[in-house]
Structure formats: structure tokens, C-alpha cells
C-alpha atoms as a PDB file:
ATOM      1  CA  MET A   1      28.202 -47.025-109.858  1.00  0.00           C
ATOM      2  CA  ALA A   2      28.907 -43.350-110.589  1.00  0.00           C
ATOM      3  CA  GLU A   3      26.362 -40.708-109.726  1.00  0.00           C
ATOM      4  CA  ASN A   4      24.966 -38.630-112.550  1.00  0.00           C
ATOM      5  CA  ARG A   5      24.335 -35.130-111.217  1.00  0.00           C
ATOM      6  CA  ILE A   6      22.356 -32.741-113.358  1.00  0.00           C
ATOM      7  CA  ASP A   7      22.861 -28.984-113.072  1.00  0.00           C
ATOM      8  CA  PRO A   8      19.670 -27.403-111.685  1.00  0.00           C
ATOM      9  CA  THR A   9      20.064 -24.170-113.677  1.00  0.00           C
ATOM     10  CA  VAL A  10      17.532 -25.063-116.388  1.00  0.00           C
ATOM     11  CA  PRO A  11      14.659 -26.041-114.065  1.00  0.00           C
ATOM     12  CA  GLY A  12      15.492 -22.978-111.965  1.00  0.00           C
ATOM     13  CA  LEU A  13      15.182 -20.751-115.018  1.00  0.00           C
ATOM     14  CA  PHE A  14      11.837 -22.354-115.892  1.00  0.00           C
ATOM     15  CA  LEU A  15      10.582 -21.574-112.384  1.00  0.00           C
ATOM     16  CA  VAL A  16      11.864 -18.001-112.644  1.00  0.00           C
ATOM     17  CA  ALA A  17      10.050 -17.653-115.979  1.00  0.00           C
ATOM     18  CA  PHE A  18       6.848 -18.891-114.334  1.00  0.00           C
ATOM     19  CA  ILE A  19       7.179 -16.461-111.415  1.00  0.00           C
ATOM     20  CA  MET A  20       7.967 -13.499-113.649  1.00  0.00           C
ATOM     21  CA  LEU A  21       5.037 -14.358-115.913  1.00  0.00           C
ATOM     22  CA  ILE A  22       2.699 -14.344-112.905  1.00  0.00           C
ATOM     23  CA  PHE A  23       4.049 -10.921-111.918  1.00  0.00           C
ATOM     24  CA  GLY A  24       3.643  -9.721-115.490  1.00  0.00           C
ATOM     25  CA  VAL A  25       0.072 -10.867-115.917  1.00  0.00           C
ATOM     26  CA  LEU A  26      -0.848  -9.613-112.452  1.00  0.00           C
ATOM     27  CA  GLY A  27       0.561  -6.159-113.190  1.00  0.00           C
ATOM     28  CA  VAL A  28      -1.292  -5.881-116.479  1.00  0.00           C
ATOM     29  CA  LEU A  29      -4.544  -7.070-114.880  1.00  0.00           C
ATOM     30  CA  ILE A  30      -4.215  -4.560-112.044  1.00  0.00           C
ATOM     31  CA  TYR A  31      -3.475  -1.766-114.524  1.00  0.00           C
ATOM     32  CA  GLY A  32      -6.554  -2.707-116.539  1.00  0.00           C
ATOM     33  CA  GLU A  33      -8.635  -2.871-113.353  1.00  0.00           C
ATOM     34  CA  ASN A  34      -9.583  -6.438-114.194  1.00  0.00           C
ATOM     35  CA  ALA A  35     -11.584  -8.343-111.589  1.00  0.00           C
ATOM     36  CA  GLU A  36      -9.352 -11.406-112.100  1.00  0.00           C
ATOM     37  CA  ALA A  37      -6.366  -9.628-110.513  1.00  0.00           C
ATOM     38  CA  GLY A  38      -7.487 -10.464-106.960  1.00  0.00           C
ATOM     39  CA  ALA A  39      -7.929 -14.142-107.773  1.00  0.00           C
ATOM     40  CA  LEU A  40      -4.498 -14.297-109.438  1.00  0.00           C
ATOM     41  CA  LEU A  41      -2.888 -12.556-106.453  1.00  0.00           C
ATOM     42  CA  THR A  42      -4.477 -15.073-104.060  1.00  0.00           C
ATOM     43  CA  ALA A  43      -3.294 -17.975-106.221  1.00  0.00           C
ATOM     44  CA  ALA A  44       0.209 -16.503-106.504  1.00  0.00           C
ATOM     45  CA  GLN A  45       0.464 -16.163-102.726  1.00  0.00           C
ATOM     46  CA  ALA A  46      -0.670 -19.757-102.303  1.00  0.00           C
ATOM     47  CA  PHE A  47       1.835 -21.029-104.876  1.00  0.00           C
ATOM     48  CA  SER A  48       4.786 -18.962-103.634  1.00  0.00           C
ATOM     49  CA  GLY A  49       5.372 -21.314-100.720  1.00  0.00           C
ATOM     50  CA  ILE A  50       5.262 -24.369-102.987  1.00  0.00           C
ATOM     51  CA  ILE A  51       7.612 -22.765-105.504  1.00  0.00           C
ATOM     52  CA  GLY A  52       9.862 -21.775-102.589  1.00  0.00           C
ATOM     53  CA  ILE A  53      10.103 -25.452-101.636  1.00  0.00           C
ATOM     54  CA  MET A  54      10.948 -26.290-105.261  1.00  0.00           C
ATOM     55  CA  PHE A  55      13.750 -23.721-105.144  1.00  0.00           C
ATOM     56  CA  LEU A  56      14.936 -25.253-101.871  1.00  0.00           C
ATOM     57  CA  VAL A  57      15.315 -28.600-103.660  1.00  0.00           C
ATOM     58  CA  LEU A  58      17.160 -26.847-106.502  1.00  0.00           C
ATOM     59  CA  THR A  59      19.412 -25.127-103.955  1.00  0.00           C
ATOM     60  CA  VAL A  60      20.435 -28.467-102.489  1.00  0.00           C
ATOM     61  CA  SER A  61      20.975 -29.837-105.993  1.00  0.00           C
ATOM     62  CA  ALA A  62      23.131 -26.834-106.939  1.00  0.00           C
ATOM     63  CA  ILE A  63      25.226 -27.345-103.811  1.00  0.00           C
ATOM     64  CA  ARG A  64      25.686 -31.017-104.690  1.00  0.00           C
ATOM     65  CA  VAL A  65      26.947 -30.229-108.205  1.00  0.00           C
ATOM     66  CA  GLY A  66      29.200 -27.445-106.924  1.00  0.00           C
ATOM     67  CA  ASN A  67      27.431 -24.495-108.554  1.00  0.00           C
ATOM     68  CA  ALA A  68      28.028 -21.827-105.914  1.00  0.00           C
ATOM     69  CA  PHE A  69      26.317 -18.965-107.749  1.00  0.00           C
ATOM     70  CA  ALA A  70      23.159 -20.968-108.517  1.00  0.00           C
ATOM     71  CA  SER A  71      22.985 -22.335-104.975  1.00  0.00           C
ATOM     72  CA  SER A  72      23.234 -18.875-103.423  1.00  0.00           C
ATOM     73  CA  LEU A  73      20.772 -17.367-105.922  1.00  0.00           C
ATOM     74  CA  PHE A  74      18.271 -20.191-105.467  1.00  0.00           C
ATOM     75  CA  ALA A  75      18.593 -19.946-101.667  1.00  0.00           C
ATOM     76  CA  PHE A  76      17.862 -16.232-101.963  1.00  0.00           C
ATOM     77  CA  LEU A  77      14.811 -17.034-104.113  1.00  0.00           C
ATOM     78  CA  VAL A  78      13.567 -19.388-101.393  1.00  0.00           C
ATOM     79  CA  VAL A  79      13.695 -16.493 -98.948  1.00  0.00           C
ATOM     80  CA  ALA A  80      12.165 -14.053-101.470  1.00  0.00           C
ATOM     81  CA  LEU A  81       9.245 -16.374-102.170  1.00  0.00           C
ATOM     82  CA  LEU A  82       8.598 -17.006 -98.514  1.00  0.00           C
ATOM     83  CA  VAL A  83       8.691 -13.235 -97.993  1.00  0.00           C
ATOM     84  CA  ALA A  84       6.161 -12.864-100.795  1.00  0.00           C
ATOM     85  CA  ALA A  85       3.936 -15.453 -99.161  1.00  0.00           C
ATOM     86  CA  VAL A  86       4.135 -13.868 -95.724  1.00  0.00           C
ATOM     87  CA  CYS A  87       4.827 -10.132 -96.092  1.00  0.00           C
ATOM     88  CA  VAL A  88       3.203  -8.987 -99.324  1.00  0.00           C
ATOM     89  CA  PRO A  89      -0.366  -9.594 -98.116  1.00  0.00           C
ATOM     90  CA  GLY A  90       0.366  -7.359 -95.132  1.00  0.00           C
ATOM     91  CA  GLY A  91       1.683  -4.591 -97.335  1.00  0.00           C
ATOM     92  CA  SER A  92       5.332  -4.454 -96.253  1.00  0.00           C
ATOM     93  CA  TYR A  93       6.785  -2.629 -99.234  1.00  0.00           C
ATOM     94  CA  PHE A  94      10.156  -2.239 -97.494  1.00  0.00           C
ATOM     95  CA  VAL A  95      10.714  -6.009 -97.493  1.00  0.00           C
ATOM     96  CA  VAL A  96       9.876  -6.172-101.216  1.00  0.00           C
ATOM     97  CA  LEU A  97      12.301  -3.297-101.843  1.00  0.00           C
ATOM     98  CA  PHE A  98      14.960  -5.228 -99.923  1.00  0.00           C
ATOM     99  CA  VAL A  99      14.433  -8.179-102.299  1.00  0.00           C
ATOM    100  CA  ALA A 100      14.901  -5.814-105.269  1.00  0.00           C
ATOM    101  CA  ILE A 101      18.206  -4.606-103.819  1.00  0.00           C
ATOM    102  CA  PHE A 102      19.421  -8.173-103.454  1.00  0.00           C
ATOM    103  CA  PHE A 103      18.573  -8.892-107.098  1.00  0.00           C
ATOM    104  CA  ILE A 104      20.777  -5.934-108.047  1.00  0.00           C
ATOM    105  CA  VAL A 105      23.573  -7.335-105.860  1.00  0.00           C
ATOM    106  CA  PHE A 106      23.280 -10.718-107.594  1.00  0.00           C
ATOM    107  CA  ALA A 107      23.358  -9.005-111.001  1.00  0.00           C
ATOM    108  CA  LEU A 108      26.574  -7.231-110.028  1.00  0.00           C
ATOM    109  CA  ILE A 109      28.077 -10.492-108.782  1.00  0.00           C
ATOM    110  CA  ALA A 110      27.107 -12.111-112.092  1.00  0.00           C
ATOM    111  CA  LEU A 111      28.916  -9.284-113.872  1.00  0.00           C
ATOM    112  CA  LEU A 112      32.026  -9.808-111.750  1.00  0.00           C
ATOM    113  CA  ILE A 113      32.175 -13.572-112.321  1.00  0.00           C
ATOM    114  CA  GLY A 114      31.652 -13.235-116.068  1.00  0.00           C
ATOM    115  CA  ALA A 115      28.200 -14.822-116.265  1.00  0.00           C
ATOM    116  CA  PRO A 116      26.247 -14.543-119.530  1.00  0.00           C
ATOM    117  CA  LYS A 117      24.867 -11.088-120.191  1.00  0.00           C
ATOM    118  CA  LEU A 118      21.344 -12.496-120.438  1.00  0.00           C
ATOM    119  CA  LEU A 119      21.584 -13.607-116.816  1.00  0.00           C
ATOM    120  CA  MET A 120      22.503 -10.077-115.771  1.00  0.00           C
ATOM    121  CA  ILE A 121      19.596  -8.715-117.824  1.00  0.00           C
ATOM    122  CA  LEU A 122      17.277 -11.232-116.156  1.00  0.00           C
ATOM    123  CA  LEU A 123      18.486 -10.305-112.674  1.00  0.00           C
ATOM    124  CA  PHE A 124      18.188  -6.562-113.332  1.00  0.00           C
ATOM    125  CA  GLY A 125      14.727  -7.183-114.826  1.00  0.00           C
ATOM    126  CA  ALA A 126      13.683  -9.086-111.704  1.00  0.00           C
ATOM    127  CA  ALA A 127      15.063  -6.243-109.570  1.00  0.00           C
ATOM    128  CA  LEU A 128      12.938  -3.780-111.546  1.00  0.00           C
ATOM    129  CA  VAL A 129       9.861  -5.959-111.098  1.00  0.00           C
ATOM    130  CA  TYR A 130      10.308  -6.046-107.328  1.00  0.00           C
ATOM    131  CA  LEU A 131      11.155  -2.324-107.252  1.00  0.00           C
ATOM    132  CA  PHE A 132       7.962  -1.455-109.110  1.00  0.00           C
ATOM    133  CA  VAL A 133       5.952  -3.818-106.890  1.00  0.00           C
ATOM    134  CA  ALA A 134       7.321  -2.002-103.828  1.00  0.00           C
ATOM    135  CA  LEU A 135       6.500   1.382-105.368  1.00  0.00           C
ATOM    136  CA  PHE A 136       3.024   0.103-106.289  1.00  0.00           C
ATOM    137  CA  MET A 137       2.447  -1.039-102.703  1.00  0.00           C
ATOM    138  CA  ASN A 138       3.460   2.373-101.343  1.00  0.00           C
ATOM    139  CA  ALA A 139       1.714   4.588-103.922  1.00  0.00           C
ATOM    140  CA  THR A 140      -1.715   6.123-103.528  1.00  0.00           C
ATOM    141  CA  ASP A 141      -2.426   5.610-107.231  1.00  0.00           C
ATOM    142  CA  GLY A 142      -0.165   2.790-108.348  1.00  0.00           C
ATOM    143  CA  ALA A 143      -1.628   2.012-111.763  1.00  0.00           C
ATOM    144  CA  THR A 144       1.527   3.142-113.580  1.00  0.00           C
ATOM    145  CA  PHE A 145       3.736   1.057-111.291  1.00  0.00           C
ATOM    146  CA  ALA A 146       1.449  -1.943-111.830  1.00  0.00           C
ATOM    147  CA  LEU A 147       1.840  -1.574-115.589  1.00  0.00           C
ATOM    148  CA  LEU A 148       5.617  -1.236-115.241  1.00  0.00           C
ATOM    149  CA  PHE A 149       6.022  -4.336-113.075  1.00  0.00           C
ATOM    150  CA  GLY A 150       3.700  -6.120-115.495  1.00  0.00           C
ATOM    151  CA  ILE A 151       5.782  -5.198-118.530  1.00  0.00           C
ATOM    152  CA  PHE A 152       9.113  -6.003-116.874  1.00  0.00           C
ATOM    153  CA  GLY A 153       7.665  -9.234-115.482  1.00  0.00           C
ATOM    154  CA  ILE A 154       6.641 -10.417-118.946  1.00  0.00           C
ATOM    155  CA  LEU A 155       9.985  -9.364-120.471  1.00  0.00           C
ATOM    156  CA  SER A 156      11.919 -11.092-117.676  1.00  0.00           C
ATOM    157  CA  SER A 157       9.815 -14.205-118.193  1.00  0.00           C
ATOM    158  CA  LEU A 158      10.717 -14.249-121.880  1.00  0.00           C
ATOM    159  CA  VAL A 159      14.433 -13.852-121.099  1.00  0.00           C
ATOM    160  CA  ALA A 160      14.285 -16.695-118.558  1.00  0.00           C
ATOM    161  CA  LEU A 161      12.410 -18.930-121.007  1.00  0.00           C
ATOM    162  CA  TYR A 162      14.927 -18.215-123.766  1.00  0.00           C
ATOM    163  CA  MET A 163      17.832 -18.985-121.440  1.00  0.00           C
ATOM    164  CA  SER A 164      16.262 -22.217-120.220  1.00  0.00           C
ATOM    165  CA  PHE A 165      15.575 -23.415-123.755  1.00  0.00           C
ATOM    166  CA  ALA A 166      19.036 -22.351-124.922  1.00  0.00           C
ATOM    167  CA  LEU A 167      20.760 -24.171-122.072  1.00  0.00           C
ATOM    168  CA  SER A 168      18.612 -27.289-122.289  1.00  0.00           C
ATOM    169  CA  THR A 169      18.785 -27.754-126.059  1.00  0.00           C
ATOM    170  CA  GLN A 170      22.283 -26.296-126.523  1.00  0.00           C
ATOM    171  CA  LYS A 171      21.183 -25.208-129.995  1.00  0.00           C
ATOM    172  CA  LEU A 172      20.586 -21.526-129.212  1.00  0.00           C
ATOM    173  CA  PRO A 173      23.310 -19.081-128.227  1.00  0.00           C
ATOM    174  CA  VAL A 174      23.409 -17.729-124.690  1.00  0.00           C
ATOM    175  CA  PHE A 175      24.813 -14.239-124.768  1.00  0.00           C
END
């Protein structure tokens, strides 16, 4: 009996959309000085480990289907989420900035291998989110940075959702 292996790109994009949406809502709540921001941050830190495990499963799946770019990107996301769970509460903005730099590296690799332009936009958007989070963590008055990572988080979430729906239904173009 032949094995049917499904590419993990679509569920990975759904998870990325979820993560970016959390960043987006969190940034907007912090900017608006909403009391719910602390509760969302606590929930996001609790979920980041679980989502990291989900990405670990997707990494193994991507390796099994031979998708080298997805497996390396998902493995990086496992590390990034575990960093978010461990380092962000302590305020290590340098580690978050390091994650942003790696997103830029992955965007450049995507450009070199001829990946869809939307993927590069998503990766650069994620890099901007992490960059603005790092700047927010290091700023004395980070309200503007919170709004910026909120906006780019929501936009990145929309791009990831569009890509996941386009790839899963195969009825929408992926640019």
C-alpha cells in the first residue's frame, strides 16, 4: 500500500496566520492601553510552546515529503516560538531582534529559490513584526512600536490566510 504524504505548507500557513493575528491584536491593545493586553500576552506565552510543538510536527512532515525550505522554516519557527515562550517575558529584546534577522534571511532565500512573492512579503512582514516587538521592548515609550507591530501583525496574518486558502482550494492565484 502506497503512502499518501500531504505537504504541510497549508497547515503551517494557518498557524503563521494565527500567530501573526495574536501579535497584531496584542500590539493594537497595547497601543490603546487596553487592560486585556496583559491577559492576551499571558495566553500567547502559554500557547507559544504548544504551537512550537505543532510546528515541530510540521517540520517532520515537511522533511518526510522532501520540502527542504518548509522544513527549515518550520524548524526555525519552533525555535522562535520557544524563544518567545522563554525569553520575551524576561525582556531580552536582542533575542527577538535575532529572530527578525532570521526572517529576513529566509525572505532572501525565498527570493533566491523563486518562491511566490506573497511568501517573501509574509516573511518580510514577520521580520517587521519581530523588529518592532524588539524596539517596543527596548523603548521607554513604545506605544508607536506597539501600533506598528500590531498593524504589520494583522497584515501578515491576512497574507498568510490568503496563501493558505489559495493553496488549499487551488482556486485563487498565488503571486
